[in-house]
Amino acid sequence: MANTKSAKKANRVIGRRMAVNKARRTGMRSTWRGVEEAIVAGDHKTAEAALRKAEAATMKAVAKGVVHKNLGSRKVSRLAKRVGALSGAKKR
């Protein structure tokens, strides 16, 4: 338990930041799920649109310090690879 005034304030600030970061992380993961659902459905146009949204949300979370930059880059890269493979399967 915090005893000093500054420690109590720090706890309040931490609580607010955790709530904001959790909301950002949840929103980012929701965009990832949107891409996954479009890939499973086999809808290339929807998958590309969802990928653009997911990339924007992920990179914004990286910029805000919610997730590590390597995690963001890795996830976007893997999703883009799967969306690209989906377009290759459609053309053949």
PDB file of N, CA and C in Angstrom:
ATOM      1  N   MET A   1       0.850  -1.180   0.000  1.00  0.00           N
ATOM      2  CA  MET A   1       0.000   0.000   0.000  1.00  0.00           C
ATOM      3  C   MET A   1       0.891   1.237   0.000  1.00  0.00           C
ATOM      4  N   ALA A   2       0.503   2.187  -0.830  1.00  0.00           N
ATOM      5  CA  ALA A   2       1.276   3.426  -0.926  1.00  0.00           C
ATOM      6  C   ALA A   2       1.063   4.271   0.331  1.00  0.00           C
ATOM      7  N   ASN A   3       2.139   4.831   0.829  1.00  0.00           N
ATOM      8  CA  ASN A   3       2.061   5.651   2.042  1.00  0.00           C
ATOM      9  C   ASN A   3       2.174   7.138   1.753  1.00  0.00           C
ATOM     10  N   THR A   4       3.069   7.507   0.856  1.00  0.00           N
ATOM     11  CA  THR A   4       3.286   8.927   0.599  1.00  0.00           C
ATOM     12  C   THR A   4       2.290   9.445  -0.438  1.00  0.00           C
ATOM     13  N   LYS A   5       2.144  10.751  -0.430  1.00  0.00           N
ATOM     14  CA  LYS A   5       1.217  11.397  -1.359  1.00  0.00           C
ATOM     15  C   LYS A   5       1.616  11.122  -2.808  1.00  0.00           C
ATOM     16  N   SER A   6       2.917  11.186  -3.089  1.00  0.00           N
ATOM     17  CA  SER A   6       3.389  10.961  -4.463  1.00  0.00           C
ATOM     18  C   SER A   6       3.182   9.511  -4.899  1.00  0.00           C
ATOM     19  N   ALA A   7       3.343   8.574  -3.967  1.00  0.00           N
ATOM     20  CA  ALA A   7       3.137   7.162  -4.296  1.00  0.00           C
ATOM     21  C   ALA A   7       1.657   6.888  -4.574  1.00  0.00           C
ATOM     22  N   LYS A   8       0.778   7.541  -3.826  1.00  0.00           N
ATOM     23  CA  LYS A   8      -0.661   7.373  -4.054  1.00  0.00           C
ATOM     24  C   LYS A   8      -1.050   7.924  -5.426  1.00  0.00           C
ATOM     25  N   LYS A   9      -0.490   9.073  -5.762  1.00  0.00           N
ATOM     26  CA  LYS A   9      -0.767   9.654  -7.076  1.00  0.00           C
ATOM     27  C   LYS A   9      -0.216   8.749  -8.175  1.00  0.00           C
ATOM     28  N   ALA A  10       0.970   8.210  -7.966  1.00  0.00           N
ATOM     29  CA  ALA A  10       1.565   7.308  -8.953  1.00  0.00           C
ATOM     30  C   ALA A  10       0.654   6.112  -9.200  1.00  0.00           C
ATOM     31  N   ASN A  11       0.053   5.572  -8.131  1.00  0.00           N
ATOM     32  CA  ASN A  11      -0.879   4.451  -8.290  1.00  0.00           C
ATOM     33  C   ASN A  11      -2.099   4.849  -9.109  1.00  0.00           C
ATOM     34  N   ARG A  12      -2.607   6.053  -8.880  1.00  0.00           N
ATOM     35  CA  ARG A  12      -3.764   6.515  -9.657  1.00  0.00           C
ATOM     36  C   ARG A  12      -3.398   6.639 -11.131  1.00  0.00           C
ATOM     37  N   VAL A  13      -2.244   7.221 -11.400  1.00  0.00           N
ATOM     38  CA  VAL A  13      -1.797   7.415 -12.783  1.00  0.00           C
ATOM     39  C   VAL A  13      -1.586   6.067 -13.461  1.00  0.00           C
ATOM     40  N   ILE A  14      -0.953   5.144 -12.749  1.00  0.00           N
ATOM     41  CA  ILE A  14      -0.710   3.808 -13.298  1.00  0.00           C
ATOM     42  C   ILE A  14      -2.034   3.141 -13.658  1.00  0.00           C
ATOM     43  N   GLY A  15      -3.027   3.273 -12.785  1.00  0.00           N
ATOM     44  CA  GLY A  15      -4.341   2.681 -13.058  1.00  0.00           C
ATOM     45  C   GLY A  15      -4.970   3.247 -14.321  1.00  0.00           C
ATOM     46  N   ARG A  16      -4.875   4.557 -14.495  1.00  0.00           N
ATOM     47  CA  ARG A  16      -5.439   5.182 -15.702  1.00  0.00           C
ATOM     48  C   ARG A  16      -4.684   4.734 -16.943  1.00  0.00           C
ATOM     49  N   ARG A  17      -3.355   4.695 -16.870  1.00  0.00           N
ATOM     50  CA  ARG A  17      -2.544   4.296 -18.031  1.00  0.00           C
ATOM     51  C   ARG A  17      -2.812   2.841 -18.397  1.00  0.00           C
ATOM     52  N   MET A  18      -2.985   1.989 -17.367  1.00  0.00           N
ATOM     53  CA  MET A  18      -3.261   0.578 -17.644  1.00  0.00           C
ATOM     54  C   MET A  18      -4.577   0.428 -18.396  1.00  0.00           C
ATOM     55  N   ALA A  19      -5.577   1.208 -18.011  1.00  0.00           N
ATOM     56  CA  ALA A  19      -6.875   1.136 -18.677  1.00  0.00           C
ATOM     57  C   ALA A  19      -6.756   1.568 -20.138  1.00  0.00           C
ATOM     58  N   VAL A  20      -6.020   2.637 -20.386  1.00  0.00           N
ATOM     59  CA  VAL A  20      -5.834   3.132 -21.753  1.00  0.00           C
ATOM     60  C   VAL A  20      -5.065   2.113 -22.585  1.00  0.00           C
ATOM     61  N   ASN A  21      -3.983   1.580 -22.016  1.00  0.00           N
ATOM     62  CA  ASN A  21      -3.172   0.608 -22.744  1.00  0.00           C
ATOM     63  C   ASN A  21      -3.946  -0.670 -23.029  1.00  0.00           C
ATOM     64  N   LYS A  22      -4.776  -1.096 -22.076  1.00  0.00           N
ATOM     65  CA  LYS A  22      -5.576  -2.304 -22.283  1.00  0.00           C
ATOM     66  C   LYS A  22      -6.568  -2.086 -23.421  1.00  0.00           C
ATOM     67  N   ALA A  23      -7.178  -0.918 -23.470  1.00  0.00           N
ATOM     68  CA  ALA A  23      -8.124  -0.613 -24.547  1.00  0.00           C
ATOM     69  C   ALA A  23      -7.415  -0.610 -25.897  1.00  0.00           C
ATOM     70  N   ARG A  24      -6.232  -0.016 -25.953  1.00  0.00           N
ATOM     71  CA  ARG A  24      -5.470   0.007 -27.212  1.00  0.00           C
ATOM     72  C   ARG A  24      -5.081  -1.401 -27.640  1.00  0.00           C
ATOM     73  N   ARG A  25      -4.624  -2.206 -26.693  1.00  0.00           N
ATOM     74  CA  ARG A  25      -4.196  -3.570 -26.998  1.00  0.00           C
ATOM     75  C   ARG A  25      -5.384  -4.415 -27.463  1.00  0.00           C
ATOM     76  N   THR A  26      -6.528  -4.256 -26.813  1.00  0.00           N
ATOM     77  CA  THR A  26      -7.724  -5.002 -27.194  1.00  0.00           C
ATOM     78  C   THR A  26      -8.180  -4.609 -28.593  1.00  0.00           C
ATOM     79  N   GLY A  27      -8.170  -3.313 -28.882  1.00  0.00           N
ATOM     80  CA  GLY A  27      -8.554  -2.856 -30.219  1.00  0.00           C
ATOM     81  C   GLY A  27      -7.622  -3.379 -31.286  1.00  0.00           C
ATOM     82  N   MET A  28      -6.338  -3.400 -30.979  1.00  0.00           N
ATOM     83  CA  MET A  28      -5.338  -3.907 -31.921  1.00  0.00           C
ATOM     84  C   MET A  28      -5.591  -5.388 -32.208  1.00  0.00           C
ATOM     85  N   ARG A  29      -5.838  -6.153 -31.170  1.00  0.00           N
ATOM     86  CA  ARG A  29      -6.085  -7.587 -31.351  1.00  0.00           C
ATOM     87  C   ARG A  29      -7.381  -7.833 -32.116  1.00  0.00           C
ATOM     88  N   SER A  30      -8.359  -6.976 -31.931  1.00  0.00           N
ATOM     89  CA  SER A  30      -9.611  -7.105 -32.687  1.00  0.00           C
ATOM     90  C   SER A  30      -9.366  -6.919 -34.178  1.00  0.00           C
ATOM     91  N   THR A  31      -8.488  -5.990 -34.533  1.00  0.00           N
ATOM     92  CA  THR A  31      -8.182  -5.799 -35.954  1.00  0.00           C
ATOM     93  C   THR A  31      -7.450  -7.015 -36.508  1.00  0.00           C
ATOM     94  N   TRP A  32      -6.603  -7.641 -35.683  1.00  0.00           N
ATOM     95  CA  TRP A  32      -5.926  -8.869 -36.123  1.00  0.00           C
ATOM     96  C   TRP A  32      -6.948  -9.958 -36.405  1.00  0.00           C
ATOM     97  N   ARG A  33      -7.950 -10.074 -35.519  1.00  0.00           N
ATOM     98  CA  ARG A  33      -8.993 -11.088 -35.715  1.00  0.00           C
ATOM     99  C   ARG A  33      -9.777 -10.824 -36.992  1.00  0.00           C
ATOM    100  N   GLY A  34     -10.004  -9.554 -37.308  1.00  0.00           N
ATOM    101  CA  GLY A  34     -10.705  -9.217 -38.546  1.00  0.00           C
ATOM    102  C   GLY A  34      -9.961  -9.712 -39.768  1.00  0.00           C
ATOM    103  N   VAL A  35      -8.640  -9.583 -39.756  1.00  0.00           N
ATOM    104  CA  VAL A  35      -7.826 -10.077 -40.874  1.00  0.00           C
ATOM    105  C   VAL A  35      -7.909 -11.595 -40.927  1.00  0.00           C
ATOM    106  N   GLU A  36      -7.782 -12.248 -39.779  1.00  0.00           N
ATOM    107  CA  GLU A  36      -7.843 -13.713 -39.721  1.00  0.00           C
ATOM    108  C   GLU A  36      -9.172 -14.228 -40.268  1.00  0.00           C
ATOM    109  N   GLU A  37     -10.267 -13.578 -39.882  1.00  0.00           N
ATOM    110  CA  GLU A  37     -11.589 -14.006 -40.344  1.00  0.00           C
ATOM    111  C   GLU A  37     -11.719 -13.849 -41.852  1.00  0.00           C
ATOM    112  N   ALA A  38     -11.198 -12.765 -42.395  1.00  0.00           N
ATOM    113  CA  ALA A  38     -11.252 -12.544 -43.841  1.00  0.00           C
ATOM    114  C   ALA A  38     -10.399 -13.574 -44.576  1.00  0.00           C
ATOM    115  N   ILE A  39      -9.266 -13.940 -43.998  1.00  0.00           N
ATOM    116  CA  ILE A  39      -8.399 -14.951 -44.617  1.00  0.00           C
ATOM    117  C   ILE A  39      -9.104 -16.299 -44.632  1.00  0.00           C
ATOM    118  N   VAL A  40      -9.708 -16.669 -43.509  1.00  0.00           N
ATOM    119  CA  VAL A  40     -10.418 -17.952 -43.425  1.00  0.00           C
ATOM    120  C   VAL A  40     -11.587 -17.982 -44.404  1.00  0.00           C
ATOM    121  N   ALA A  41     -12.264 -16.844 -44.557  1.00  0.00           N
ATOM    122  CA  ALA A  41     -13.392 -16.766 -45.487  1.00  0.00           C
ATOM    123  C   ALA A  41     -12.921 -16.782 -46.939  1.00  0.00           C
ATOM    124  N   GLY A  42     -11.644 -16.475 -47.160  1.00  0.00           N
ATOM    125  CA  GLY A  42     -11.099 -16.472 -48.516  1.00  0.00           C
ATOM    126  C   GLY A  42     -11.414 -15.205 -49.293  1.00  0.00           C
ATOM    127  N   ASP A  43     -11.795 -14.153 -48.605  1.00  0.00           N
ATOM    128  CA  ASP A  43     -12.160 -12.889 -49.250  1.00  0.00           C
ATOM    129  C   ASP A  43     -10.934 -11.974 -49.309  1.00  0.00           C
ATOM    130  N   HIS A  44     -10.327 -11.897 -50.485  1.00  0.00           N
ATOM    131  CA  HIS A  44      -9.064 -11.167 -50.632  1.00  0.00           C
ATOM    132  C   HIS A  44      -9.233  -9.662 -50.422  1.00  0.00           C
ATOM    133  N   LYS A  45     -10.270  -9.062 -51.005  1.00  0.00           N
ATOM    134  CA  LYS A  45     -10.455  -7.606 -50.875  1.00  0.00           C
ATOM    135  C   LYS A  45     -10.699  -7.205 -49.424  1.00  0.00           C
ATOM    136  N   THR A  46     -11.550  -7.954 -48.752  1.00  0.00           N
ATOM    137  CA  THR A  46     -11.823  -7.662 -47.348  1.00  0.00           C
ATOM    138  C   THR A  46     -10.571  -7.866 -46.502  1.00  0.00           C
ATOM    139  N   ALA A  47      -9.806  -8.903 -46.824  1.00  0.00           N
ATOM    140  CA  ALA A  47      -8.575  -9.183 -46.081  1.00  0.00           C
ATOM    141  C   ALA A  47      -7.574  -8.046 -46.249  1.00  0.00           C
ATOM    142  N   GLU A  48      -7.458  -7.518 -47.461  1.00  0.00           N
ATOM    143  CA  GLU A  48      -6.524  -6.408 -47.686  1.00  0.00           C
ATOM    144  C   GLU A  48      -6.951  -5.158 -46.925  1.00  0.00           C
ATOM    145  N   ALA A  49      -8.255  -4.869 -46.951  1.00  0.00           N
ATOM    146  CA  ALA A  49      -8.758  -3.702 -46.226  1.00  0.00           C
ATOM    147  C   ALA A  49      -8.543  -3.876 -44.721  1.00  0.00           C
ATOM    148  N   ALA A  50      -8.819  -5.079 -44.224  1.00  0.00           N
ATOM    149  CA  ALA A  50      -8.630  -5.355 -42.799  1.00  0.00           C
ATOM    150  C   ALA A  50      -7.153  -5.290 -42.429  1.00  0.00           C
ATOM    151  N   LEU A  51      -6.291  -5.728 -43.343  1.00  0.00           N
ATOM    152  CA  LEU A  51      -4.847  -5.681 -43.089  1.00  0.00           C
ATOM    153  C   LEU A  51      -4.367  -4.238 -42.953  1.00  0.00           C
ATOM    154  N   ARG A  52      -4.874  -3.344 -43.784  1.00  0.00           N
ATOM    155  CA  ARG A  52      -4.484  -1.930 -43.683  1.00  0.00           C
ATOM    156  C   ARG A  52      -4.883  -1.359 -42.318  1.00  0.00           C
ATOM    157  N   LYS A  53      -6.098  -1.696 -41.869  1.00  0.00           N
ATOM    158  CA  LYS A  53      -6.550  -1.219 -40.560  1.00  0.00           C
ATOM    159  C   LYS A  53      -5.711  -1.828 -39.436  1.00  0.00           C
ATOM    160  N   ALA A  54      -5.412  -3.116 -39.576  1.00  0.00           N
ATOM    161  CA  ALA A  54      -4.628  -3.803 -38.546  1.00  0.00           C
ATOM    162  C   ALA A  54      -3.218  -3.233 -38.466  1.00  0.00           C
ATOM    163  N   GLU A  55      -2.636  -2.944 -39.621  1.00  0.00           N
ATOM    164  CA  GLU A  55      -1.281  -2.385 -39.625  1.00  0.00           C
ATOM    165  C   GLU A  55      -1.267  -1.011 -38.958  1.00  0.00           C
ATOM    166  N   ALA A  56      -2.256  -0.192 -39.270  1.00  0.00           N
ATOM    167  CA  ALA A  56      -2.326   1.143 -38.670  1.00  0.00           C
ATOM    168  C   ALA A  56      -2.492   1.047 -37.154  1.00  0.00           C
ATOM    169  N   ALA A  57      -3.397   0.182 -36.701  1.00  0.00           N
ATOM    170  CA  ALA A  57      -3.637   0.037 -35.266  1.00  0.00           C
ATOM    171  C   ALA A  57      -2.404  -0.512 -34.553  1.00  0.00           C
ATOM    172  N   THR A  58      -1.735  -1.464 -35.193  1.00  0.00           N
ATOM    173  CA  THR A  58      -0.553  -2.074 -34.586  1.00  0.00           C
ATOM    174  C   THR A  58       0.589  -1.074 -34.478  1.00  0.00           C
ATOM    175  N   MET A  59       0.839  -0.343 -35.543  1.00  0.00           N
ATOM    176  CA  MET A  59       1.940   0.619 -35.514  1.00  0.00           C
ATOM    177  C   MET A  59       1.644   1.784 -34.564  1.00  0.00           C
ATOM    178  N   LYS A  60       0.367   2.130 -34.413  1.00  0.00           N
ATOM    179  CA  LYS A  60       0.011   3.170 -33.451  1.00  0.00           C
ATOM    180  C   LYS A  60       0.277   2.673 -32.029  1.00  0.00           C
ATOM    181  N   ALA A  61      -0.054   1.398 -31.772  1.00  0.00           N
ATOM    182  CA  ALA A  61       0.215   0.821 -30.452  1.00  0.00           C
ATOM    183  C   ALA A  61       1.716   0.755 -30.188  1.00  0.00           C
ATOM    184  N   VAL A  62       2.488   0.458 -31.218  1.00  0.00           N
ATOM    185  CA  VAL A  62       3.951   0.437 -31.085  1.00  0.00           C
ATOM    186  C   VAL A  62       4.455   1.838 -30.746  1.00  0.00           C
ATOM    187  N   ALA A  63       3.952   2.832 -31.453  1.00  0.00           N
ATOM    188  CA  ALA A  63       4.387   4.210 -31.223  1.00  0.00           C
ATOM    189  C   ALA A  63       4.033   4.681 -29.813  1.00  0.00           C
ATOM    190  N   LYS A  64       2.912   4.206 -29.281  1.00  0.00           N
ATOM    191  CA  LYS A  64       2.482   4.603 -27.942  1.00  0.00           C
ATOM    192  C   LYS A  64       3.167   3.782 -26.848  1.00  0.00           C
ATOM    193  N   GLY A  65       3.926   2.762 -27.241  1.00  0.00           N
ATOM    194  CA  GLY A  65       4.638   1.952 -26.257  1.00  0.00           C
ATOM    195  C   GLY A  65       3.804   0.858 -25.632  1.00  0.00           C
ATOM    196  N   VAL A  66       2.683   0.524 -26.252  1.00  0.00           N
ATOM    197  CA  VAL A  66       1.812  -0.518 -25.710  1.00  0.00           C
ATOM    198  C   VAL A  66       2.418  -1.896 -25.961  1.00  0.00           C
ATOM    199  N   VAL A  67       2.994  -2.085 -27.144  1.00  0.00           N
ATOM    200  CA  VAL A  67       3.658  -3.345 -27.486  1.00  0.00           C
ATOM    201  C   VAL A  67       5.041  -3.027 -28.052  1.00  0.00           C
ATOM    202  N   HIS A  68       5.899  -4.021 -28.055  1.00  0.00           N
ATOM    203  CA  HIS A  68       7.259  -3.848 -28.559  1.00  0.00           C
ATOM    204  C   HIS A  68       7.234  -3.736 -30.078  1.00  0.00           C
ATOM    205  N   LYS A  69       8.165  -2.980 -30.634  1.00  0.00           N
ATOM    206  CA  LYS A  69       8.186  -2.755 -32.080  1.00  0.00           C
ATOM    207  C   LYS A  69       8.410  -4.045 -32.855  1.00  0.00           C
ATOM    208  N   ASN A  70       9.191  -4.968 -32.313  1.00  0.00           N
ATOM    209  CA  ASN A  70       9.421  -6.234 -33.009  1.00  0.00           C
ATOM    210  C   ASN A  70       8.151  -7.072 -33.072  1.00  0.00           C
ATOM    211  N   LEU A  71       7.370  -7.057 -32.000  1.00  0.00           N
ATOM    212  CA  LEU A  71       6.103  -7.785 -32.007  1.00  0.00           C
ATOM    213  C   LEU A  71       5.184  -7.219 -33.080  1.00  0.00           C
ATOM    214  N   GLY A  72       5.086  -5.909 -33.139  1.00  0.00           N
ATOM    215  CA  GLY A  72       4.225  -5.271 -34.132  1.00  0.00           C
ATOM    216  C   GLY A  72       4.659  -5.586 -35.546  1.00  0.00           C
ATOM    217  N   SER A  73       5.940  -5.468 -35.818  1.00  0.00           N
ATOM    218  CA  SER A  73       6.453  -5.739 -37.158  1.00  0.00           C
ATOM    219  C   SER A  73       6.265  -7.200 -37.531  1.00  0.00           C
ATOM    220  N   ARG A  74       6.537  -8.082 -36.593  1.00  0.00           N
ATOM    221  CA  ARG A  74       6.402  -9.519 -36.855  1.00  0.00           C
ATOM    222  C   ARG A  74       4.952  -9.890 -37.171  1.00  0.00           C
ATOM    223  N   LYS A  75       4.025  -9.371 -36.389  1.00  0.00           N
ATOM    224  CA  LYS A  75       2.610  -9.704 -36.580  1.00  0.00           C
ATOM    225  C   LYS A  75       2.104  -9.173 -37.918  1.00  0.00           C
ATOM    226  N   VAL A  76       2.433  -7.923 -38.249  1.00  0.00           N
ATOM    227  CA  VAL A  76       1.999  -7.332 -39.516  1.00  0.00           C
ATOM    228  C   VAL A  76       2.604  -8.097 -40.684  1.00  0.00           C
ATOM    229  N   SER A  77       3.871  -8.459 -40.563  1.00  0.00           N
ATOM    230  CA  SER A  77       4.550  -9.193 -41.629  1.00  0.00           C
ATOM    231  C   SER A  77       3.886 -10.541 -41.874  1.00  0.00           C
ATOM    232  N   ARG A  78       3.576 -11.251 -40.816  1.00  0.00           N
ATOM    233  CA  ARG A  78       2.956 -12.575 -40.963  1.00  0.00           C
ATOM    234  C   ARG A  78       1.550 -12.473 -41.541  1.00  0.00           C
ATOM    235  N   LEU A  79       0.801 -11.467 -41.105  1.00  0.00           N
ATOM    236  CA  LEU A  79      -0.544 -11.286 -41.657  1.00  0.00           C
ATOM    237  C   LEU A  79      -0.469 -10.914 -43.139  1.00  0.00           C
ATOM    238  N   ALA A  80       0.462 -10.034 -43.491  1.00  0.00           N
ATOM    239  CA  ALA A  80       0.613  -9.615 -44.890  1.00  0.00           C
ATOM    240  C   ALA A  80       1.009 -10.795 -45.763  1.00  0.00           C
ATOM    241  N   LYS A  81       1.856 -11.650 -45.240  1.00  0.00           N
ATOM    242  CA  LYS A  81       2.283 -12.839 -45.978  1.00  0.00           C
ATOM    243  C   LYS A  81       1.089 -13.748 -46.264  1.00  0.00           C
ATOM    244  N   ARG A  82       0.221 -13.915 -45.266  1.00  0.00           N
ATOM    245  CA  ARG A  82      -0.958 -14.775 -45.449  1.00  0.00           C
ATOM    246  C   ARG A  82      -1.966 -14.146 -46.413  1.00  0.00           C
ATOM    247  N   VAL A  83      -2.127 -12.842 -46.348  1.00  0.00           N
ATOM    248  CA  VAL A  83      -3.037 -12.162 -47.283  1.00  0.00           C
ATOM    249  C   VAL A  83      -2.479 -12.260 -48.697  1.00  0.00           C
ATOM    250  N   GLY A  84      -1.172 -12.107 -48.840  1.00  0.00           N
ATOM    251  CA  GLY A  84      -0.537 -12.238 -50.150  1.00  0.00           C
ATOM    252  C   GLY A  84      -0.693 -13.629 -50.717  1.00  0.00           C
ATOM    253  N   ALA A  85      -0.574 -14.639 -49.873  1.00  0.00           N
ATOM    254  CA  ALA A  85      -0.754 -16.021 -50.316  1.00  0.00           C
ATOM    255  C   ALA A  85      -2.194 -16.250 -50.763  1.00  0.00           C
ATOM    256  N   LEU A  86      -3.105 -15.560 -50.128  1.00  0.00           N
ATOM    257  CA  LEU A  86      -4.516 -15.677 -50.494  1.00  0.00           C
ATOM    258  C   LEU A  86      -4.741 -15.147 -51.903  1.00  0.00           C
ATOM    259  N   SER A  87      -4.094 -14.047 -52.254  1.00  0.00           N
ATOM    260  CA  SER A  87      -4.245 -13.493 -53.602  1.00  0.00           C
ATOM    261  C   SER A  87      -3.587 -14.406 -54.624  1.00  0.00           C
ATOM    262  N   GLY A  88      -2.473 -15.032 -54.263  1.00  0.00           N
ATOM    263  CA  GLY A  88      -1.811 -15.969 -55.168  1.00  0.00           C
ATOM    264  C   GLY A  88      -2.674 -17.177 -55.440  1.00  0.00           C
ATOM    265  N   ALA A  89      -3.386 -17.642 -54.432  1.00  0.00           N
ATOM    266  CA  ALA A  89      -4.268 -18.799 -54.598  1.00  0.00           C
ATOM    267  C   ALA A  89      -5.449 -18.444 -55.497  1.00  0.00           C
ATOM    268  N   LYS A  90      -5.908 -17.206 -55.413  1.00  0.00           N
ATOM    269  CA  LYS A  90      -7.043 -16.771 -56.240  1.00  0.00           C
ATOM    270  C   LYS A  90      -6.661 -16.696 -57.716  1.00  0.00           C
ATOM    271  N   LYS A  91      -5.435 -16.248 -58.019  1.00  0.00           N
ATOM    272  CA  LYS A  91      -5.032 -16.030 -59.404  1.00  0.00           C
ATOM    273  C   LYS A  91      -4.795 -17.330 -60.156  1.00  0.00           C
ATOM    274  N   ARG A  92      -4.440 -18.379 -59.469  1.00  0.00           N
ATOM    275  CA  ARG A  92      -4.113 -19.641 -60.133  1.00  0.00           C
ATOM    276  C   ARG A  92      -5.314 -20.395 -60.579  1.00  0.00           C
TER     277      ARG A  92
END
